[in-house]
Amino acid sequence: MRDVIVTKDGPAAIGPYSQAIKANGLVFVSGQIALDPVTNTLVTGDVAFQTDRVLKNVSGILGAAGTSLEKVVRATVFLKNMGDFAAMNEVYGTFFHTAPPARSTVEVARLPKDVLVEIDVIALA
């Protein structure tokens, strides 16, 4: 069984992908960037500000799938500049207080809409 998750609590997909897919007891959230879910426009600001918006988007999508940040088991963080790691990590830590998920963080050459950070997650349903 495979369910497509669509919610106004996260930005609409800007391409041929789903906000999330729920399958076999897991929720796979597509990479999220700092888009305002109401206007679907990019919010500007430093990496800390963008990370906050991204994780709020992830949280909204997880909620629509019937789960939450507390059930995230894996995250991948894509940074435009690894020099932003500490600032991103500080905000990230406020969303994952105890027993944070496994995570990889990588620097990439470019991200959609030239954002500073993109995050995708896998959570228990």
Protein backbone atom coordinates (compact mmCIF):
# COMPACT_ATOMS: atom_id res chain seq x y z
CA MET A 1 0.00 0.00 0.00
CA ARG A 2 1.26 3.44 -0.97
CA ASP A 3 -0.43 6.69 0.02
CA VAL A 4 0.44 10.08 -1.42
CA ILE A 5 0.49 12.81 1.24
CA VAL A 6 -0.79 16.22 0.15
CA THR A 7 -1.24 19.05 2.64
CA LYS A 8 -1.45 22.82 2.85
CA ASP A 9 0.76 22.55 5.97
CA GLY A 10 3.77 22.26 3.68
CA PRO A 11 4.65 23.94 0.40
CA ALA A 12 3.12 22.49 -2.74
CA ALA A 13 5.44 20.37 -4.86
CA ILE A 14 7.25 22.47 -7.46
CA GLY A 15 7.85 19.54 -9.79
CA PRO A 16 6.77 15.98 -10.54
CA TYR A 17 7.06 14.64 -6.99
CA SER A 18 4.88 14.22 -3.90
CA GLN A 19 5.29 16.09 -0.64
CA ALA A 20 5.53 12.67 1.00
CA ILE A 21 4.73 9.01 0.46
CA LYS A 22 3.42 6.76 3.23
CA ALA A 23 4.23 3.08 2.67
CA ASN A 24 4.87 -0.02 4.76
CA GLY A 25 4.79 1.82 8.09
CA LEU A 26 7.14 4.59 6.97
CA VAL A 27 6.73 8.15 5.73
CA PHE A 28 9.22 9.43 3.15
CA VAL A 29 9.20 13.25 3.04
CA SER A 30 10.64 14.83 -0.09
CA GLY A 31 13.41 17.36 0.30
CA GLN A 32 12.03 20.58 1.71
CA ILE A 33 13.38 24.06 1.16
CA ALA A 34 12.44 27.39 2.74
CA LEU A 35 9.15 27.93 0.95
CA ASP A 36 6.24 29.53 2.76
CA PRO A 37 3.42 26.97 2.55
CA VAL A 38 0.74 29.67 2.34
CA THR A 39 2.23 31.67 -0.53
CA ASN A 40 4.57 28.98 -1.92
CA THR A 41 7.24 31.68 -2.20
CA LEU A 42 10.80 31.49 -0.97
CA VAL A 43 11.53 33.04 2.41
CA THR A 44 14.84 34.84 2.50
CA GLY A 45 17.30 34.94 5.32
CA ASP A 46 20.40 33.24 6.65
CA VAL A 47 20.79 29.49 6.99
CA ALA A 48 19.36 29.50 10.53
CA PHE A 49 16.18 31.23 9.36
CA GLN A 50 15.88 28.93 6.36
CA THR A 51 16.47 25.80 8.49
CA ASP A 52 13.66 26.86 10.83
CA ARG A 53 11.23 27.25 7.90
CA VAL A 54 12.35 23.96 6.34
CA LEU A 55 11.79 21.99 9.55
CA LYS A 56 8.40 23.64 10.10
CA ASN A 57 7.49 22.47 6.59
CA VAL A 58 8.73 18.94 7.36
CA SER A 59 6.72 18.95 10.59
CA GLY A 60 3.54 20.04 8.79
CA ILE A 61 3.88 17.32 6.18
CA LEU A 62 4.59 14.69 8.82
CA GLY A 63 1.50 15.82 10.73
CA ALA A 64 -0.63 15.40 7.62
CA ALA A 65 0.73 11.86 7.34
CA GLY A 66 -0.28 11.12 10.94
CA THR A 67 3.20 11.20 12.43
CA SER A 68 5.65 13.76 13.85
CA LEU A 69 9.26 14.87 14.14
CA GLU A 70 9.61 12.63 17.20
CA LYS A 71 9.21 9.61 14.91
CA VAL A 72 11.87 10.63 12.37
CA VAL A 73 14.47 7.87 12.05
CA ARG A 74 16.63 9.32 9.26
CA ALA A 75 17.39 12.79 7.94
CA THR A 76 19.58 14.12 5.19
CA VAL A 77 20.69 17.75 5.24
CA PHE A 78 22.01 19.36 2.08
CA LEU A 79 23.97 22.58 2.63
CA LYS A 80 25.13 25.02 0.01
CA ASN A 81 28.12 25.81 2.23
CA MET A 82 29.51 23.52 4.95
CA GLY A 83 30.59 26.70 6.70
CA ASP A 84 26.91 27.04 7.66
CA PHE A 85 26.94 23.73 9.53
CA ALA A 86 27.06 25.17 13.06
CA ALA A 87 24.20 27.63 12.47
CA MET A 88 22.05 24.96 10.80
CA ASN A 89 22.87 22.44 13.52
CA GLU A 90 21.87 24.83 16.31
CA VAL A 91 18.38 25.31 14.84
CA TYR A 92 18.09 21.63 13.89
CA GLY A 93 18.76 20.69 17.52
CA THR A 94 15.78 22.74 18.70
CA PHE A 95 13.47 20.54 16.62
CA PHE A 96 15.04 17.23 17.68
CA HIS A 97 15.41 17.53 21.47
CA THR A 98 15.94 13.93 22.54
CA ALA A 99 16.96 10.81 20.64
CA PRO A 100 17.61 12.66 17.36
CA PRO A 101 17.43 10.65 14.15
CA ALA A 102 20.37 9.27 12.22
CA ARG A 103 21.59 11.99 9.88
CA SER A 104 23.94 12.78 7.04
CA THR A 105 24.94 16.32 6.16
CA VAL A 106 26.57 17.07 2.84
CA GLU A 107 27.69 20.16 0.98
CA VAL A 108 26.29 20.45 -2.53
CA ALA A 109 27.12 22.74 -5.43
CA ARG A 110 23.61 24.09 -5.84
CA LEU A 111 20.09 23.64 -4.46
CA PRO A 112 16.65 24.43 -5.91
CA LYS A 113 15.95 28.17 -6.08
CA ASP A 114 19.52 28.74 -4.80
CA VAL A 115 18.49 28.13 -1.17
CA LEU A 116 21.07 27.53 1.55
CA VAL A 117 19.61 24.30 2.96
CA GLU A 118 17.34 21.40 1.98
CA ILE A 119 16.26 18.58 4.30
CA ASP A 120 14.49 15.28 3.66
CA VAL A 121 13.41 12.73 6.27
CA ILE A 122 12.09 9.23 6.80
CA ALA A 123 9.76 8.70 9.76
CA LEU A 124 7.77 5.92 11.34
CA ALA A 125 4.11 6.21 10.37
